[in-house]
């Protein structure tokens, strides 16, 4: 069974999202996603200052099994990226909700930006099929 923290929001594309403050959200890939991918060997992230649009591709994760796109869970401007995941991509396997976070995005209203995303029970139901 995958780890689905109750304090996060989720997308159907297996990204998790947390509200950092009123205008910042942080996201990464879920435990379910890293488990399905297997050993992650490469991560590509958007650049700081880049605009991303909800639902669009903003990076990719490559494992020994496949390459998967990372989809932006919200629209906004990349304010921070976790460069450590590019030098140590296995962090996504070992700590997807902690040190394996990927990107922080500046948005107008963080609460509104995540309002339409799945909660933990919705995401758990989604991955259960």
N, C-alpha and C. Protein backbone atom coordinates (compact mmCIF):
# COMPACT_ATOMS: atom_id res chain seq x y z
N UNK A 1 0.83 -1.19 0.00
CA UNK A 1 0.00 0.00 0.00
C UNK A 1 0.87 1.25 0.00
N UNK A 2 0.56 2.19 -0.84
CA UNK A 2 1.34 3.41 -0.94
C UNK A 2 1.09 4.34 0.24
N UNK A 3 2.08 5.12 0.54
CA UNK A 3 2.01 6.14 1.58
C UNK A 3 1.34 7.37 0.97
N UNK A 4 0.19 7.79 1.54
CA UNK A 4 -0.56 8.94 1.04
C UNK A 4 -0.82 9.88 2.22
N UNK A 5 0.13 10.80 2.50
CA UNK A 5 -0.07 11.71 3.63
C UNK A 5 -1.36 12.52 3.52
N UNK A 6 -2.07 12.63 4.64
CA UNK A 6 -3.39 13.28 4.63
C UNK A 6 -3.31 14.80 4.53
N UNK A 7 -2.13 15.38 4.77
CA UNK A 7 -2.02 16.84 4.75
C UNK A 7 -1.65 17.40 3.39
N UNK A 8 -1.57 16.55 2.37
CA UNK A 8 -1.20 17.00 1.03
C UNK A 8 -2.38 16.92 0.08
N UNK A 9 -2.26 17.56 -1.07
CA UNK A 9 -3.22 17.44 -2.18
C UNK A 9 -2.52 16.65 -3.28
N UNK A 10 -3.31 16.11 -4.21
CA UNK A 10 -2.77 15.20 -5.22
C UNK A 10 -3.40 15.45 -6.59
N UNK A 11 -2.65 15.05 -7.63
CA UNK A 11 -3.21 15.07 -8.99
C UNK A 11 -3.41 13.63 -9.45
N UNK A 12 -4.24 13.46 -10.47
CA UNK A 12 -4.43 12.12 -11.04
C UNK A 12 -3.18 11.64 -11.77
N UNK A 13 -2.24 12.56 -12.05
CA UNK A 13 -0.98 12.21 -12.71
C UNK A 13 0.11 11.87 -11.69
N UNK A 14 -0.27 11.74 -10.41
CA UNK A 14 0.63 11.27 -9.34
C UNK A 14 1.65 12.29 -8.86
N UNK A 15 1.25 13.57 -8.85
CA UNK A 15 2.05 14.58 -8.17
C UNK A 15 1.36 14.91 -6.85
N UNK A 16 2.17 15.21 -5.82
CA UNK A 16 1.63 15.70 -4.56
C UNK A 16 1.91 17.20 -4.49
N UNK A 17 1.07 17.91 -3.74
CA UNK A 17 1.19 19.36 -3.63
C UNK A 17 0.99 19.76 -2.17
N UNK A 18 1.86 20.65 -1.68
CA UNK A 18 1.66 21.21 -0.34
C UNK A 18 1.67 22.73 -0.44
N UNK A 19 0.88 23.36 0.43
CA UNK A 19 0.86 24.82 0.50
C UNK A 19 1.98 25.23 1.46
N UNK A 20 2.94 26.00 0.97
CA UNK A 20 4.05 26.48 1.79
C UNK A 20 3.64 27.75 2.53
N UNK A 21 3.04 28.68 1.79
CA UNK A 21 2.51 29.91 2.38
C UNK A 21 1.42 30.44 1.45
N UNK A 22 0.94 31.64 1.69
CA UNK A 22 -0.22 32.18 0.96
C UNK A 22 -0.01 32.24 -0.55
N UNK A 23 1.25 32.36 -1.00
CA UNK A 23 1.50 32.49 -2.44
C UNK A 23 2.51 31.48 -2.97
N UNK A 24 2.78 30.41 -2.21
CA UNK A 24 3.77 29.42 -2.65
C UNK A 24 3.25 28.01 -2.43
N UNK A 25 3.40 27.18 -3.46
CA UNK A 25 3.12 25.75 -3.31
C UNK A 25 4.36 24.97 -3.73
N UNK A 26 4.53 23.80 -3.12
CA UNK A 26 5.65 22.90 -3.41
C UNK A 26 5.05 21.61 -3.94
N UNK A 27 5.73 20.98 -4.90
CA UNK A 27 5.23 19.69 -5.38
C UNK A 27 6.35 18.72 -5.70
N UNK A 28 5.94 17.46 -5.80
CA UNK A 28 6.85 16.37 -6.14
C UNK A 28 6.02 15.22 -6.67
N UNK A 29 6.66 14.06 -6.82
CA UNK A 29 5.91 12.88 -7.25
C UNK A 29 5.56 12.04 -6.03
N UNK A 30 4.47 11.31 -6.14
CA UNK A 30 3.98 10.54 -5.00
C UNK A 30 4.78 9.26 -4.78
N UNK A 31 4.58 8.69 -3.60
CA UNK A 31 5.18 7.40 -3.27
C UNK A 31 4.73 6.34 -4.28
N UNK A 32 3.45 6.39 -4.65
CA UNK A 32 2.91 5.45 -5.64
C UNK A 32 3.68 5.57 -6.96
N UNK A 33 3.93 6.82 -7.39
CA UNK A 33 4.63 7.06 -8.66
C UNK A 33 6.06 6.54 -8.61
N UNK A 34 6.78 6.86 -7.52
CA UNK A 34 8.18 6.41 -7.46
C UNK A 34 8.25 4.90 -7.40
N UNK A 35 7.28 4.27 -6.72
CA UNK A 35 7.26 2.81 -6.63
C UNK A 35 6.99 2.18 -8.00
N UNK A 36 6.06 2.78 -8.75
CA UNK A 36 5.74 2.27 -10.09
C UNK A 36 6.91 2.47 -11.06
N UNK A 37 7.64 3.56 -10.90
CA UNK A 37 8.77 3.84 -11.78
C UNK A 37 9.96 2.93 -11.52
N UNK A 38 10.16 2.56 -10.27
CA UNK A 38 11.35 1.79 -9.92
C UNK A 38 12.51 2.74 -9.63
N UNK A 39 13.74 2.26 -9.81
CA UNK A 39 14.93 3.04 -9.45
C UNK A 39 15.06 4.27 -10.36
N UNK A 40 14.92 5.46 -9.76
CA UNK A 40 15.00 6.70 -10.51
C UNK A 40 16.46 7.08 -10.70
N UNK A 41 16.82 7.36 -11.98
CA UNK A 41 18.22 7.62 -12.31
C UNK A 41 18.46 9.02 -12.87
N UNK A 42 17.38 9.75 -13.22
CA UNK A 42 17.54 11.08 -13.80
C UNK A 42 16.29 11.90 -13.56
N UNK A 43 16.49 13.19 -13.24
CA UNK A 43 15.38 14.11 -13.06
C UNK A 43 15.69 15.39 -13.83
N UNK A 44 14.70 15.90 -14.55
CA UNK A 44 14.83 17.17 -15.26
C UNK A 44 13.74 18.09 -14.74
N UNK A 45 14.12 19.28 -14.26
CA UNK A 45 13.18 20.22 -13.66
C UNK A 45 13.13 21.53 -14.45
N UNK A 46 12.00 22.26 -14.33
CA UNK A 46 11.94 23.57 -14.97
C UNK A 46 12.88 24.55 -14.29
N UNK A 47 13.25 25.60 -15.00
CA UNK A 47 14.18 26.60 -14.46
C UNK A 47 13.44 27.62 -13.58
N UNK A 48 14.15 28.18 -12.60
CA UNK A 48 13.59 29.25 -11.78
C UNK A 48 13.24 30.42 -12.70
N UNK A 49 12.05 30.98 -12.50
CA UNK A 49 11.58 32.08 -13.33
C UNK A 49 10.70 31.63 -14.48
N UNK A 50 10.68 30.33 -14.75
CA UNK A 50 9.87 29.78 -15.83
C UNK A 50 8.40 29.75 -15.43
N UNK A 51 7.52 30.12 -16.36
CA UNK A 51 6.08 30.00 -16.11
C UNK A 51 5.64 28.60 -16.45
N UNK A 52 4.83 28.02 -15.58
CA UNK A 52 4.28 26.69 -15.85
C UNK A 52 2.76 26.77 -15.79
N UNK A 53 2.11 25.93 -16.55
CA UNK A 53 0.65 25.93 -16.62
C UNK A 53 0.11 24.60 -16.10
N UNK A 54 -0.89 24.68 -15.28
CA UNK A 54 -1.50 23.48 -14.70
C UNK A 54 -1.84 22.46 -15.78
N UNK A 55 -1.39 21.23 -15.57
CA UNK A 55 -1.68 20.15 -16.51
C UNK A 55 -0.66 20.00 -17.62
N UNK A 56 0.26 20.98 -17.74
CA UNK A 56 1.26 20.88 -18.81
C UNK A 56 2.54 20.21 -18.28
N UNK A 57 3.32 19.68 -19.20
CA UNK A 57 4.58 19.03 -18.84
C UNK A 57 5.59 20.09 -18.40
N UNK A 58 6.24 19.85 -17.26
CA UNK A 58 7.24 20.82 -16.79
C UNK A 58 8.57 20.16 -16.43
N UNK A 59 8.70 18.88 -16.71
CA UNK A 59 9.94 18.17 -16.43
C UNK A 59 9.76 16.69 -16.70
N UNK A 60 10.77 15.90 -16.34
CA UNK A 60 10.63 14.47 -16.50
C UNK A 60 11.47 13.72 -15.48
N UNK A 61 11.03 12.50 -15.24
CA UNK A 61 11.70 11.59 -14.34
C UNK A 61 12.01 10.33 -15.13
N UNK A 62 13.27 9.91 -15.08
CA UNK A 62 13.68 8.72 -15.82
C UNK A 62 14.11 7.65 -14.81
N UNK A 63 13.60 6.45 -15.02
CA UNK A 63 13.99 5.33 -14.16
C UNK A 63 14.62 4.25 -15.02
N UNK A 64 15.02 3.18 -14.36
CA UNK A 64 15.60 2.07 -15.11
C UNK A 64 14.54 1.41 -15.99
N UNK A 65 13.24 1.67 -15.71
CA UNK A 65 12.15 1.06 -16.47
C UNK A 65 11.62 1.97 -17.59
N UNK A 66 11.51 3.30 -17.31
CA UNK A 66 10.83 4.17 -18.28
C UNK A 66 11.13 5.64 -18.01
N UNK A 67 10.62 6.49 -18.90
CA UNK A 67 10.69 7.93 -18.72
C UNK A 67 9.26 8.42 -18.55
N UNK A 68 9.03 9.25 -17.54
CA UNK A 68 7.69 9.79 -17.28
C UNK A 68 7.75 11.30 -17.19
N UNK A 69 6.74 11.94 -17.76
CA UNK A 69 6.65 13.39 -17.65
C UNK A 69 6.21 13.79 -16.25
N UNK A 70 6.66 14.97 -15.83
CA UNK A 70 6.16 15.60 -14.61
C UNK A 70 5.17 16.66 -15.09
N UNK A 71 3.97 16.64 -14.56
CA UNK A 71 2.95 17.60 -14.94
C UNK A 71 2.78 18.66 -13.85
N UNK A 72 2.70 19.91 -14.27
CA UNK A 72 2.51 20.99 -13.31
C UNK A 72 1.13 20.84 -12.66
N UNK A 73 1.07 20.77 -11.33
CA UNK A 73 -0.23 20.64 -10.67
C UNK A 73 -0.96 21.98 -10.54
N UNK A 74 -0.23 23.08 -10.70
CA UNK A 74 -0.80 24.42 -10.60
C UNK A 74 -0.14 25.30 -11.67
N UNK A 75 -0.76 26.46 -11.93
CA UNK A 75 -0.15 27.44 -12.82
C UNK A 75 0.55 28.50 -11.98
N UNK A 76 1.72 28.93 -12.44
CA UNK A 76 2.46 29.96 -11.72
C UNK A 76 3.87 30.07 -12.24
N UNK A 77 4.73 30.66 -11.43
CA UNK A 77 6.13 30.87 -11.79
C UNK A 77 7.03 30.07 -10.85
N UNK A 78 7.95 29.33 -11.43
CA UNK A 78 8.89 28.54 -10.63
C UNK A 78 9.75 29.49 -9.79
N UNK A 79 9.67 29.34 -8.46
CA UNK A 79 10.45 30.21 -7.57
C UNK A 79 11.65 29.49 -6.97
N UNK A 80 11.59 28.16 -6.95
CA UNK A 80 12.69 27.38 -6.38
C UNK A 80 12.62 25.99 -6.99
N UNK A 81 13.78 25.38 -7.17
CA UNK A 81 13.83 24.00 -7.63
C UNK A 81 14.80 23.24 -6.74
N UNK A 82 14.53 21.98 -6.57
CA UNK A 82 15.36 21.16 -5.71
C UNK A 82 16.48 20.54 -6.55
N UNK A 83 17.57 21.31 -6.71
CA UNK A 83 18.68 20.85 -7.54
C UNK A 83 19.28 19.54 -7.04
N UNK A 84 19.13 19.27 -5.75
CA UNK A 84 19.68 18.04 -5.18
C UNK A 84 19.08 16.80 -5.83
N UNK A 85 17.85 16.89 -6.34
CA UNK A 85 17.24 15.72 -6.99
C UNK A 85 17.89 15.43 -8.34
N UNK A 86 18.51 16.44 -8.94
CA UNK A 86 19.19 16.20 -10.20
C UNK A 86 20.54 15.50 -9.98
N UNK A 87 21.20 15.80 -8.85
CA UNK A 87 22.48 15.15 -8.56
C UNK A 87 22.29 13.83 -7.80
N UNK A 88 21.16 13.70 -7.10
CA UNK A 88 20.86 12.47 -6.36
C UNK A 88 19.39 12.08 -6.62
N UNK A 89 19.09 11.66 -7.86
CA UNK A 89 17.69 11.37 -8.21
C UNK A 89 17.05 10.25 -7.38
N UNK A 90 17.89 9.38 -6.79
CA UNK A 90 17.36 8.30 -5.95
C UNK A 90 16.61 8.83 -4.73
N UNK A 91 16.81 10.11 -4.39
CA UNK A 91 16.08 10.72 -3.28
C UNK A 91 14.58 10.63 -3.51
N UNK A 92 14.14 10.65 -4.77
CA UNK A 92 12.71 10.52 -5.06
C UNK A 92 12.19 9.15 -4.63
N UNK A 93 13.04 8.13 -4.67
CA UNK A 93 12.64 6.80 -4.22
C UNK A 93 12.63 6.71 -2.70
N UNK A 94 13.61 7.30 -2.05
CA UNK A 94 13.75 7.12 -0.61
C UNK A 94 12.93 8.09 0.22
N UNK A 95 12.65 9.30 -0.31
CA UNK A 95 11.96 10.32 0.48
C UNK A 95 11.13 11.23 -0.43
N UNK A 96 10.11 10.66 -1.12
CA UNK A 96 9.38 11.45 -2.11
C UNK A 96 8.63 12.65 -1.53
N UNK A 97 8.23 12.59 -0.26
CA UNK A 97 7.46 13.69 0.33
C UNK A 97 8.33 14.65 1.14
N UNK A 98 9.61 14.34 1.29
CA UNK A 98 10.51 15.17 2.09
C UNK A 98 11.60 15.75 1.21
N UNK A 99 12.81 15.18 1.33
CA UNK A 99 13.95 15.68 0.57
C UNK A 99 13.80 15.48 -0.93
N UNK A 100 12.81 14.68 -1.36
CA UNK A 100 12.59 14.44 -2.78
C UNK A 100 11.61 15.40 -3.43
N UNK A 101 11.26 16.51 -2.74
CA UNK A 101 10.39 17.50 -3.39
C UNK A 101 11.08 18.02 -4.65
N UNK A 102 10.30 18.52 -5.60
CA UNK A 102 10.87 18.93 -6.88
C UNK A 102 10.92 20.44 -7.09
N UNK A 103 9.76 21.10 -6.98
CA UNK A 103 9.66 22.50 -7.40
C UNK A 103 8.76 23.27 -6.45
N UNK A 104 9.09 24.55 -6.23
CA UNK A 104 8.18 25.48 -5.57
C UNK A 104 7.72 26.49 -6.61
N UNK A 105 6.42 26.83 -6.54
CA UNK A 105 5.80 27.70 -7.54
C UNK A 105 5.13 28.87 -6.82
N UNK A 106 5.35 30.07 -7.35
CA UNK A 106 4.66 31.25 -6.85
C UNK A 106 3.33 31.38 -7.59
N UNK A 107 2.26 31.49 -6.81
CA UNK A 107 0.90 31.60 -7.35
C UNK A 107 0.23 32.82 -6.71
N UNK A 108 -0.90 33.24 -7.27
CA UNK A 108 -1.62 34.38 -6.70
C UNK A 108 -2.23 34.03 -5.36
N UNK A 109 -2.81 32.83 -5.28
CA UNK A 109 -3.53 32.41 -4.07
C UNK A 109 -3.35 30.90 -3.93
N UNK A 110 -2.48 30.48 -3.01
CA UNK A 110 -2.14 29.07 -2.89
C UNK A 110 -3.36 28.21 -2.55
N UNK A 111 -4.21 28.68 -1.64
CA UNK A 111 -5.39 27.89 -1.27
C UNK A 111 -6.30 27.67 -2.47
N UNK A 112 -6.49 28.71 -3.27
CA UNK A 112 -7.33 28.58 -4.47
C UNK A 112 -6.66 27.69 -5.51
N UNK A 113 -5.32 27.78 -5.62
CA UNK A 113 -4.58 27.00 -6.62
C UNK A 113 -4.72 25.50 -6.39
N UNK A 114 -4.81 25.08 -5.11
CA UNK A 114 -4.89 23.65 -4.82
C UNK A 114 -6.31 23.16 -4.55
N UNK A 115 -7.27 24.08 -4.58
CA UNK A 115 -8.65 23.75 -4.21
C UNK A 115 -9.26 22.63 -5.06
N UNK A 116 -8.89 22.56 -6.33
CA UNK A 116 -9.49 21.56 -7.21
C UNK A 116 -8.77 20.23 -7.22
N UNK A 117 -7.70 20.10 -6.45
CA UNK A 117 -6.93 18.86 -6.46
C UNK A 117 -7.53 17.81 -5.54
N UNK A 118 -7.11 16.58 -5.70
CA UNK A 118 -7.62 15.48 -4.89
C UNK A 118 -7.09 15.56 -3.46
N UNK A 119 -7.92 15.17 -2.50
CA UNK A 119 -7.42 15.02 -1.13
C UNK A 119 -6.88 13.60 -1.00
N UNK A 120 -6.36 13.26 0.18
CA UNK A 120 -5.73 11.95 0.36
C UNK A 120 -6.69 10.81 0.08
N UNK A 121 -7.93 10.91 0.54
CA UNK A 121 -8.87 9.80 0.31
C UNK A 121 -9.24 9.69 -1.18
N UNK A 122 -9.35 10.84 -1.84
CA UNK A 122 -9.64 10.82 -3.29
C UNK A 122 -8.50 10.21 -4.07
N UNK A 123 -7.26 10.54 -3.69
CA UNK A 123 -6.10 10.00 -4.39
C UNK A 123 -5.96 8.50 -4.10
N UNK A 124 -6.19 8.11 -2.86
CA UNK A 124 -6.12 6.69 -2.50
C UNK A 124 -7.12 5.89 -3.33
N UNK A 125 -8.32 6.42 -3.50
CA UNK A 125 -9.33 5.76 -4.32
C UNK A 125 -8.87 5.69 -5.79
N UNK A 126 -8.25 6.76 -6.27
CA UNK A 126 -7.76 6.82 -7.65
C UNK A 126 -6.71 5.74 -7.91
N UNK A 127 -5.75 5.59 -7.01
CA UNK A 127 -4.69 4.60 -7.23
C UNK A 127 -5.15 3.18 -6.96
N UNK A 128 -6.24 3.05 -6.22
CA UNK A 128 -6.80 1.71 -5.96
C UNK A 128 -7.52 1.19 -7.20
N UNK A 129 -7.86 2.13 -8.11
CA UNK A 129 -8.51 1.75 -9.37
C UNK A 129 -9.99 1.71 -9.21
